[in-house]
Amino acid sequence: MPNLLDLKGRVAMVTGAGQGVGRQISLDLAAHGAGSVIVNDYYEDRAVAVADEISAAGGRGVPVSFDVTDYEGVLRGVEGAVAQTGPVDILVNNAGNAGPDHTIFDNTPFWETSPEQWAPWLGSNFFGVLNCTRAVARCMVERRYGRIVTIISDAGRVGEPNLVVYSGAKAGAAGFMRGLAKSVGRHGVTANCIALSAMRTPASEAALEDPEMVTKMLRSYVIKRFGEPSDASALALFLASDAAEWITGQTYPVNGGYSVAV
């Protein structure tokens, strides 16, 4: 029986892959047969470190540093990377939050914020997805093959009162993927989302060290632990593989039961 999770030498690109969920997805795609994994991060040293991990394990990691909110920078970065690897078959839009130096935990009420404060949330979580997808979609359509997986948040599904703009940006990314799925499906390209809840990553490390906050947060989870990068990566691998070739336009929660999909 064929291994449906074998990626058969496909070229993958993962954004925001220098740590946490993106790093794990990059490592797992390489371990399951991706011919090359383009490892993007805002910080070049992070991208290089993960690419080196992939190479040390016998795969091929190609680091590329660009800011996903910079459309022209994304196009230049992708062009330079694919000159080494060939066209991208699998795109994982993982970069998010409010940019490289911002934590997602912010209790400022929306009515006390300004457009200047909204811009980073919209840029990284919404426009970044558009920019990176635009950079690879044409070639996927022309080659009649592609897998696009966008990592969003359960905030985009159910809303979070202290993360109003973030919730809207993630919901926007999910809506974009649903529309894209209907647009590119006839060309052999699928587009899906994974909605995460609280994950143990470097970005959330400080908050999850507070025992009182951890106890309070876990009351909302059916499975009494926070997510690990491997929890998200397992589904990303499936959606990137031939096992998911008839699945598109969907959003799958990976959230320990924080919310329930209907």
C-alpha atoms as a PDB file:
ATOM      1  CA  MET A   1       0.000   0.000   0.000  1.00  0.00           C
ATOM      2  CA  PRO A   2       1.462   3.405  -0.929  1.00  0.00           C
ATOM      3  CA  ASN A   3       2.412   5.838   1.809  1.00  0.00           C
ATOM      4  CA  LEU A   4      -0.041   8.686   1.296  1.00  0.00           C
ATOM      5  CA  LEU A   5       2.004  10.968   3.552  1.00  0.00           C
ATOM      6  CA  ASP A   6       5.064  10.618   1.322  1.00  0.00           C
ATOM      7  CA  LEU A   7       5.591  14.067  -0.201  1.00  0.00           C
ATOM      8  CA  LYS A   8       7.471  12.612  -3.178  1.00  0.00           C
ATOM      9  CA  GLY A   9      10.179  15.219  -3.472  1.00  0.00           C
ATOM     10  CA  ARG A  10       7.779  18.177  -3.490  1.00  0.00           C
ATOM     11  CA  VAL A  11       9.135  21.650  -2.772  1.00  0.00           C
ATOM     12  CA  ALA A  12       7.665  23.216   0.357  1.00  0.00           C
ATOM     13  CA  MET A  13       7.854  26.718   1.789  1.00  0.00           C
ATOM     14  CA  VAL A  14       6.981  27.524   5.398  1.00  0.00           C
ATOM     15  CA  THR A  15       6.771  31.122   6.597  1.00  0.00           C
ATOM     16  CA  GLY A  16       7.660  32.171  10.123  1.00  0.00           C
ATOM     17  CA  ALA A  17       9.539  28.898  10.386  1.00  0.00           C
ATOM     18  CA  GLY A  18      12.439  29.927  12.571  1.00  0.00           C
ATOM     19  CA  GLN A  19      10.858  28.598  15.765  1.00  0.00           C
ATOM     20  CA  GLY A  20       7.795  26.980  17.295  1.00  0.00           C
ATOM     21  CA  VAL A  21       5.077  25.599  15.039  1.00  0.00           C
ATOM     22  CA  GLY A  22       6.731  26.693  11.793  1.00  0.00           C
ATOM     23  CA  ARG A  23       9.989  25.018  12.705  1.00  0.00           C
ATOM     24  CA  GLN A  24       8.240  21.740  13.533  1.00  0.00           C
ATOM     25  CA  ILE A  25       6.232  21.808  10.306  1.00  0.00           C
ATOM     26  CA  SER A  26       9.422  22.393   8.308  1.00  0.00           C
ATOM     27  CA  LEU A  27      11.199  19.483   9.988  1.00  0.00           C
ATOM     28  CA  ASP A  28       8.240  17.147   9.504  1.00  0.00           C
ATOM     29  CA  LEU A  29       7.738  18.026   5.834  1.00  0.00           C
ATOM     30  CA  ALA A  30      11.407  17.277   5.215  1.00  0.00           C
ATOM     31  CA  ALA A  31      11.207  14.014   7.175  1.00  0.00           C
ATOM     32  CA  HIS A  32       8.269  12.882   5.022  1.00  0.00           C
ATOM     33  CA  GLY A  33       9.947  13.270   1.690  1.00  0.00           C
ATOM     34  CA  ALA A  34       9.857  16.922   0.691  1.00  0.00           C
ATOM     35  CA  GLY A  35      12.715  17.408  -1.747  1.00  0.00           C
ATOM     36  CA  SER A  36      13.447  20.909  -0.474  1.00  0.00           C
ATOM     37  CA  VAL A  37      11.987  23.007   2.322  1.00  0.00           C
ATOM     38  CA  ILE A  38      12.278  26.767   1.949  1.00  0.00           C
ATOM     39  CA  VAL A  39      12.530  28.018   5.525  1.00  0.00           C
ATOM     40  CA  ASN A  40      11.379  31.617   5.890  1.00  0.00           C
ATOM     41  CA  ASP A  41      11.785  33.806   8.930  1.00  0.00           C
ATOM     42  CA  TYR A  42      12.042  37.529   9.588  1.00  0.00           C
ATOM     43  CA  TYR A  43      15.352  36.806  11.304  1.00  0.00           C
ATOM     44  CA  GLU A  44      17.947  35.294   8.992  1.00  0.00           C
ATOM     45  CA  ASP A  45      19.793  33.437  11.747  1.00  0.00           C
ATOM     46  CA  ARG A  46      16.635  31.582  12.739  1.00  0.00           C
ATOM     47  CA  ALA A  47      15.925  30.566   9.160  1.00  0.00           C
ATOM     48  CA  VAL A  48      19.506  29.356   8.736  1.00  0.00           C
ATOM     49  CA  ALA A  49      19.397  27.362  11.990  1.00  0.00           C
ATOM     50  CA  VAL A  50      16.250  25.441  10.976  1.00  0.00           C
ATOM     51  CA  ALA A  51      17.510  24.893   7.438  1.00  0.00           C
ATOM     52  CA  ASP A  52      20.696  23.477   8.940  1.00  0.00           C
ATOM     53  CA  GLU A  53      18.637  21.114  11.134  1.00  0.00           C
ATOM     54  CA  ILE A  54      16.876  19.815   8.038  1.00  0.00           C
ATOM     55  CA  SER A  55      20.127  19.344   6.184  1.00  0.00           C
ATOM     56  CA  ALA A  56      21.746  17.607   9.164  1.00  0.00           C
ATOM     57  CA  ALA A  57      18.870  15.103   9.142  1.00  0.00           C
ATOM     58  CA  GLY A  58      19.451  14.291   5.485  1.00  0.00           C
ATOM     59  CA  GLY A  59      17.006  16.695   3.859  1.00  0.00           C
ATOM     60  CA  ARG A  60      17.506  19.946   2.027  1.00  0.00           C
ATOM     61  CA  GLY A  61      16.706  23.183   3.831  1.00  0.00           C
ATOM     62  CA  VAL A  62      16.958  26.506   2.015  1.00  0.00           C
ATOM     63  CA  PRO A  63      16.828  29.560   4.307  1.00  0.00           C
ATOM     64  CA  VAL A  64      15.277  32.818   3.115  1.00  0.00           C
ATOM     65  CA  SER A  65      14.663  35.912   5.199  1.00  0.00           C
ATOM     66  CA  PHE A  66      11.871  38.349   4.378  1.00  0.00           C
ATOM     67  CA  ASP A  67       9.053  40.211   6.092  1.00  0.00           C
ATOM     68  CA  VAL A  68       5.751  38.688   4.960  1.00  0.00           C
ATOM     69  CA  THR A  69       4.087  42.109   5.160  1.00  0.00           C
ATOM     70  CA  ASP A  70       6.429  43.503   2.468  1.00  0.00           C
ATOM     71  CA  TYR A  71       4.904  42.446  -0.859  1.00  0.00           C
ATOM     72  CA  GLU A  72       7.924  43.300  -3.004  1.00  0.00           C
ATOM     73  CA  GLY A  73      10.246  41.719  -0.458  1.00  0.00           C
ATOM     74  CA  VAL A  74       8.192  38.535  -0.511  1.00  0.00           C
ATOM     75  CA  LEU A  75       8.352  38.364  -4.312  1.00  0.00           C
ATOM     76  CA  ARG A  76      12.124  38.879  -4.295  1.00  0.00           C
ATOM     77  CA  GLY A  77      12.647  36.340  -1.530  1.00  0.00           C
ATOM     78  CA  VAL A  78      10.523  33.662  -3.176  1.00  0.00           C
ATOM     79  CA  GLU A  79      12.137  34.267  -6.560  1.00  0.00           C
ATOM     80  CA  GLY A  80      15.595  33.821  -5.081  1.00  0.00           C
ATOM     81  CA  ALA A  81      14.620  30.664  -3.222  1.00  0.00           C
ATOM     82  CA  VAL A  82      12.871  28.931  -6.119  1.00  0.00           C
ATOM     83  CA  ALA A  83      15.904  29.615  -8.295  1.00  0.00           C
ATOM     84  CA  GLN A  84      17.600  27.052  -6.038  1.00  0.00           C
ATOM     85  CA  THR A  85      14.736  24.620  -5.457  1.00  0.00           C
ATOM     86  CA  GLY A  86      12.307  24.861  -8.342  1.00  0.00           C
ATOM     87  CA  PRO A  87       8.661  25.946  -8.011  1.00  0.00           C
ATOM     88  CA  VAL A  88       6.830  25.720  -4.699  1.00  0.00           C
ATOM     89  CA  ASP A  89       4.348  22.839  -4.478  1.00  0.00           C
ATOM     90  CA  ILE A  90       3.388  23.270  -0.812  1.00  0.00           C
ATOM     91  CA  LEU A  91       2.955  26.606   0.952  1.00  0.00           C
ATOM     92  CA  VAL A  92       2.384  26.806   4.698  1.00  0.00           C
ATOM     93  CA  ASN A  93       1.430  30.338   5.754  1.00  0.00           C
ATOM     94  CA  ASN A  94       2.522  30.165   9.368  1.00  0.00           C
ATOM     95  CA  ALA A  95       3.899  33.661  10.091  1.00  0.00           C
ATOM     96  CA  GLY A  96       1.529  35.619  12.301  1.00  0.00           C
ATOM     97  CA  ASN A  97       0.816  37.546  15.484  1.00  0.00           C
ATOM     98  CA  ALA A  98       1.826  41.202  15.170  1.00  0.00           C
ATOM     99  CA  GLY A  99       5.304  40.880  13.773  1.00  0.00           C
ATOM    100  CA  PRO A 100       8.582  39.492  15.065  1.00  0.00           C
ATOM    101  CA  ASP A 101       8.832  41.483  18.303  1.00  0.00           C
ATOM    102  CA  HIS A 102       5.244  41.418  19.542  1.00  0.00           C
ATOM    103  CA  THR A 103       3.422  39.016  21.816  1.00  0.00           C
ATOM    104  CA  ILE A 104      -0.226  38.181  21.133  1.00  0.00           C
ATOM    105  CA  PHE A 105      -1.229  38.900  24.741  1.00  0.00           C
ATOM    106  CA  ASP A 106      -2.640  42.421  24.880  1.00  0.00           C
ATOM    107  CA  ASN A 107      -5.599  43.420  27.068  1.00  0.00           C
ATOM    108  CA  THR A 108      -6.111  46.920  25.666  1.00  0.00           C
ATOM    109  CA  PRO A 109      -9.823  47.409  24.821  1.00  0.00           C
ATOM    110  CA  PHE A 110     -10.492  47.968  21.128  1.00  0.00           C
ATOM    111  CA  TRP A 111     -12.081  51.382  21.767  1.00  0.00           C
ATOM    112  CA  GLU A 112      -8.805  52.577  23.239  1.00  0.00           C
ATOM    113  CA  THR A 113      -6.726  51.557  20.220  1.00  0.00           C
ATOM    114  CA  SER A 114      -5.908  53.339  16.963  1.00  0.00           C
ATOM    115  CA  PRO A 115      -5.312  52.385  13.328  1.00  0.00           C
ATOM    116  CA  GLU A 116      -1.576  52.520  13.985  1.00  0.00           C
ATOM    117  CA  GLN A 117      -2.009  49.711  16.500  1.00  0.00           C
ATOM    118  CA  TRP A 118      -4.224  47.680  14.165  1.00  0.00           C
ATOM    119  CA  ALA A 119      -1.756  47.729  11.268  1.00  0.00           C
ATOM    120  CA  PRO A 120       0.731  45.126  12.581  1.00  0.00           C
ATOM    121  CA  TRP A 121      -2.069  42.646  13.321  1.00  0.00           C
ATOM    122  CA  LEU A 122      -3.601  43.060   9.883  1.00  0.00           C
ATOM    123  CA  GLY A 123      -0.239  43.117   8.148  1.00  0.00           C
ATOM    124  CA  SER A 124       1.175  39.907   9.558  1.00  0.00           C
ATOM    125  CA  ASN A 125      -1.990  37.823   9.890  1.00  0.00           C
ATOM    126  CA  PHE A 126      -3.937  38.886   6.807  1.00  0.00           C
ATOM    127  CA  PHE A 127      -1.843  40.717   4.238  1.00  0.00           C
ATOM    128  CA  GLY A 128       1.112  38.414   4.877  1.00  0.00           C
ATOM    129  CA  VAL A 129      -1.051  35.458   3.852  1.00  0.00           C
ATOM    130  CA  LEU A 130      -2.146  37.266   0.688  1.00  0.00           C
ATOM    131  CA  ASN A 131       1.415  38.279  -0.185  1.00  0.00           C
ATOM    132  CA  CYS A 132       2.935  34.819   0.170  1.00  0.00           C
ATOM    133  CA  THR A 133       0.047  33.083  -1.548  1.00  0.00           C
ATOM    134  CA  ARG A 134       0.226  35.530  -4.441  1.00  0.00           C
ATOM    135  CA  ALA A 135       3.932  34.760  -4.824  1.00  0.00           C
ATOM    136  CA  VAL A 136       3.346  31.051  -5.511  1.00  0.00           C
ATOM    137  CA  ALA A 137      -0.260  30.634  -6.668  1.00  0.00           C
ATOM    138  CA  ARG A 138       0.228  31.379 -10.360  1.00  0.00           C
ATOM    139  CA  CYS A 139       2.866  28.691 -10.736  1.00  0.00           C
ATOM    140  CA  MET A 140       0.716  26.185  -8.840  1.00  0.00           C
ATOM    141  CA  VAL A 141      -2.197  26.872 -11.162  1.00  0.00           C
ATOM    142  CA  GLU A 142      -0.014  26.591 -14.255  1.00  0.00           C
ATOM    143  CA  ARG A 143       1.485  23.311 -13.061  1.00  0.00           C
ATOM    144  CA  ARG A 144      -1.929  22.060 -11.913  1.00  0.00           C
ATOM    145  CA  TYR A 145      -0.749  21.067  -8.470  1.00  0.00           C
ATOM    146  CA  GLY A 146      -0.535  22.819  -5.128  1.00  0.00           C
ATOM    147  CA  ARG A 147      -1.238  22.583  -1.420  1.00  0.00           C
ATOM    148  CA  ILE A 148      -1.777  25.777   0.566  1.00  0.00           C
ATOM    149  CA  VAL A 149      -2.170  25.520   4.337  1.00  0.00           C
ATOM    150  CA  THR A 150      -2.696  28.639   6.437  1.00  0.00           C
ATOM    151  CA  ILE A 151      -2.237  28.591  10.192  1.00  0.00           C
ATOM    152  CA  ILE A 152      -4.824  30.769  11.894  1.00  0.00           C
ATOM    153  CA  SER A 153      -6.103  30.953  15.458  1.00  0.00           C
ATOM    154  CA  ASP A 154      -9.269  29.851  17.166  1.00  0.00           C
ATOM    155  CA  ALA A 155      -9.652  33.580  17.810  1.00  0.00           C
ATOM    156  CA  GLY A 156     -10.580  33.819  14.147  1.00  0.00           C
ATOM    157  CA  ARG A 157     -13.310  31.201  14.596  1.00  0.00           C
ATOM    158  CA  VAL A 158     -14.902  32.171  17.902  1.00  0.00           C
ATOM    159  CA  GLY A 159     -13.513  35.650  18.664  1.00  0.00           C
ATOM    160  CA  GLU A 160     -11.455  36.841  21.615  1.00  0.00           C
ATOM    161  CA  PRO A 161     -12.558  39.949  23.537  1.00  0.00           C
ATOM    162  CA  ASN A 162      -9.020  41.172  24.245  1.00  0.00           C
ATOM    163  CA  LEU A 163      -7.747  40.367  20.762  1.00  0.00           C
ATOM    164  CA  VAL A 164     -10.413  41.945  18.610  1.00  0.00           C
ATOM    165  CA  VAL A 165      -8.317  43.038  15.628  1.00  0.00           C
ATOM    166  CA  TYR A 166      -6.248  39.858  15.771  1.00  0.00           C
ATOM    167  CA  SER A 167      -9.484  37.851  15.706  1.00  0.00           C
ATOM    168  CA  GLY A 168     -10.668  39.807  12.684  1.00  0.00           C
ATOM    169  CA  ALA A 169      -7.391  39.368  10.826  1.00  0.00           C
ATOM    170  CA  LYS A 170      -7.369  35.605  11.391  1.00  0.00           C
ATOM    171  CA  ALA A 171     -11.019  35.341  10.343  1.00  0.00           C
ATOM    172  CA  GLY A 172     -10.140  37.316   7.232  1.00  0.00           C
ATOM    173  CA  ALA A 173      -7.352  34.893   6.382  1.00  0.00           C
ATOM    174  CA  ALA A 174      -9.778  31.978   6.735  1.00  0.00           C
ATOM    175  CA  GLY A 175     -12.314  33.692   4.488  1.00  0.00           C
ATOM    176  CA  PHE A 176      -9.615  34.351   1.925  1.00  0.00           C
ATOM    177  CA  MET A 177      -8.657  30.699   1.916  1.00  0.00           C
ATOM    178  CA  ARG A 178     -12.267  29.604   1.410  1.00  0.00           C
ATOM    179  CA  GLY A 179     -12.619  31.914  -1.569  1.00  0.00           C
ATOM    180  CA  LEU A 180      -9.239  30.857  -2.932  1.00  0.00           C
ATOM    181  CA  ALA A 181     -10.184  27.190  -2.618  1.00  0.00           C
ATOM    182  CA  LYS A 182     -13.177  27.737  -4.889  1.00  0.00           C
ATOM    183  CA  SER A 183     -11.027  29.674  -7.339  1.00  0.00           C
ATOM    184  CA  VAL A 184      -8.121  27.256  -7.717  1.00  0.00           C
ATOM    185  CA  GLY A 185      -9.686  23.861  -7.034  1.00  0.00           C
ATOM    186  CA  ARG A 186     -10.256  23.083 -10.710  1.00  0.00           C
ATOM    187  CA  HIS A 187      -6.523  23.561 -11.234  1.00  0.00           C
ATOM    188  CA  GLY A 188      -5.522  20.842  -8.768  1.00  0.00           C
ATOM    189  CA  VAL A 189      -4.719  23.253  -5.921  1.00  0.00           C
ATOM    190  CA  THR A 190      -6.200  22.905  -2.433  1.00  0.00           C
ATOM    191  CA  ALA A 191      -6.412  25.578   0.269  1.00  0.00           C
ATOM    192  CA  ASN A 192      -7.182  24.881   3.933  1.00  0.00           C
ATOM    193  CA  CYS A 193      -6.700  26.395   7.380  1.00  0.00           C
ATOM    194  CA  ILE A 194      -5.615  25.054  10.746  1.00  0.00           C
ATOM    195  CA  ALA A 195      -6.980  26.994  13.725  1.00  0.00           C
ATOM    196  CA  LEU A 196      -4.791  26.774  16.811  1.00  0.00           C
ATOM    197  CA  SER A 197      -5.473  27.613  20.416  1.00  0.00           C
ATOM    198  CA  ALA A 198      -2.802  28.116  23.103  1.00  0.00           C
ATOM    199  CA  MET A 199       0.442  26.439  22.055  1.00  0.00           C
ATOM    200  CA  ARG A 200       3.723  25.953  23.869  1.00  0.00           C
ATOM    201  CA  THR A 201       6.073  27.981  21.698  1.00  0.00           C
ATOM    202  CA  PRO A 202       8.813  30.546  22.399  1.00  0.00           C
ATOM    203  CA  ALA A 203       6.274  33.316  21.735  1.00  0.00           C
ATOM    204  CA  SER A 204       4.004  32.137  24.573  1.00  0.00           C
ATOM    205  CA  GLU A 205       6.689  30.887  26.929  1.00  0.00           C
ATOM    206  CA  ALA A 206       6.602  33.792  29.372  1.00  0.00           C
ATOM    207  CA  ALA A 207       2.832  33.759  29.798  1.00  0.00           C
ATOM    208  CA  LEU A 208       2.700  30.011  30.317  1.00  0.00           C
ATOM    209  CA  GLU A 209       5.236  30.213  33.136  1.00  0.00           C
ATOM    210  CA  ASP A 210       2.640  31.904  35.357  1.00  0.00           C
ATOM    211  CA  PRO A 211       0.958  29.050  37.319  1.00  0.00           C
ATOM    212  CA  GLU A 212      -2.140  31.113  38.098  1.00  0.00           C
ATOM    213  CA  MET A 213      -2.655  32.013  34.453  1.00  0.00           C
ATOM    214  CA  VAL A 214      -2.058  28.424  33.356  1.00  0.00           C
ATOM    215  CA  THR A 215      -4.671  27.108  35.808  1.00  0.00           C
ATOM    216  CA  LYS A 216      -7.179  29.708  34.651  1.00  0.00           C
ATOM    217  CA  MET A 217      -6.573  29.064  30.963  1.00  0.00           C
ATOM    218  CA  LEU A 218      -6.759  25.282  31.209  1.00  0.00           C
ATOM    219  CA  ARG A 219     -10.287  25.472  32.587  1.00  0.00           C
ATOM    220  CA  SER A 220     -11.373  26.152  28.998  1.00  0.00           C
ATOM    221  CA  TYR A 221      -9.704  23.035  27.579  1.00  0.00           C
ATOM    222  CA  VAL A 222     -11.278  19.578  27.428  1.00  0.00           C
ATOM    223  CA  ILE A 223      -7.811  18.032  27.070  1.00  0.00           C
ATOM    224  CA  LYS A 224      -5.968  19.484  30.031  1.00  0.00           C
ATOM    225  CA  ARG A 225      -2.768  20.622  28.420  1.00  0.00           C
ATOM    226  CA  PHE A 226      -1.605  23.229  25.956  1.00  0.00           C
ATOM    227  CA  GLY A 227      -0.828  22.352  22.382  1.00  0.00           C
ATOM    228  CA  GLU A 228       2.623  21.338  21.235  1.00  0.00           C
ATOM    229  CA  PRO A 229       4.065  22.272  17.819  1.00  0.00           C
ATOM    230  CA  SER A 230       3.811  18.592  16.851  1.00  0.00           C
ATOM    231  CA  ASP A 231       0.020  18.723  17.298  1.00  0.00           C
ATOM    232  CA  ALA A 232      -0.244  21.375  14.594  1.00  0.00           C
ATOM    233  CA  SER A 233       2.427  19.854  12.395  1.00  0.00           C
ATOM    234  CA  ALA A 234       0.687  16.492  12.148  1.00  0.00           C
ATOM    235  CA  LEU A 235      -2.377  18.057  10.535  1.00  0.00           C
ATOM    236  CA  ALA A 236      -0.304  20.350   8.320  1.00  0.00           C
ATOM    237  CA  LEU A 237       1.540  17.298   6.992  1.00  0.00           C
ATOM    238  CA  PHE A 238      -1.741  15.538   6.249  1.00  0.00           C
ATOM    239  CA  LEU A 239      -3.212  18.548   4.422  1.00  0.00           C
ATOM    240  CA  ALA A 240      -0.002  18.916   2.405  1.00  0.00           C
ATOM    241  CA  SER A 241      -0.080  15.287   1.305  1.00  0.00           C
ATOM    242  CA  ASP A 242      -1.929  13.259  -1.304  1.00  0.00           C
ATOM    243  CA  ALA A 243      -4.064  11.833   1.502  1.00  0.00           C
ATOM    244  CA  ALA A 244      -5.935  15.170   1.529  1.00  0.00           C
ATOM    245  CA  GLU A 245      -6.315  15.681  -2.220  1.00  0.00           C
ATOM    246  CA  TRP A 246     -10.145  15.900  -1.993  1.00  0.00           C
ATOM    247  CA  ILE A 247     -10.198  18.293   0.961  1.00  0.00           C
ATOM    248  CA  THR A 248     -10.286  22.037   0.362  1.00  0.00           C
ATOM    249  CA  GLY A 249     -11.823  25.227   1.710  1.00  0.00           C
ATOM    250  CA  GLN A 250     -11.913  23.888   5.279  1.00  0.00           C
ATOM    251  CA  THR A 251     -10.782  25.149   8.674  1.00  0.00           C
ATOM    252  CA  TYR A 252      -9.719  22.492  11.162  1.00  0.00           C
ATOM    253  CA  PRO A 253      -9.353  23.359  14.856  1.00  0.00           C
ATOM    254  CA  VAL A 254      -6.367  21.887  16.690  1.00  0.00           C
ATOM    255  CA  ASN A 255      -7.244  23.181  20.111  1.00  0.00           C
ATOM    256  CA  GLY A 256      -7.641  20.542  22.806  1.00  0.00           C
ATOM    257  CA  GLY A 257     -11.385  21.114  22.841  1.00  0.00           C
ATOM    258  CA  TYR A 258     -11.178  24.869  23.572  1.00  0.00           C
ATOM    259  CA  SER A 259     -13.993  25.262  21.046  1.00  0.00           C
ATOM    260  CA  VAL A 260     -15.967  22.776  18.992  1.00  0.00           C
ATOM    261  CA  ALA A 261     -16.352  22.984  15.223  1.00  0.00           C
ATOM    262  CA  VAL A 262     -19.842  22.598  13.734  1.00  0.00           C
END
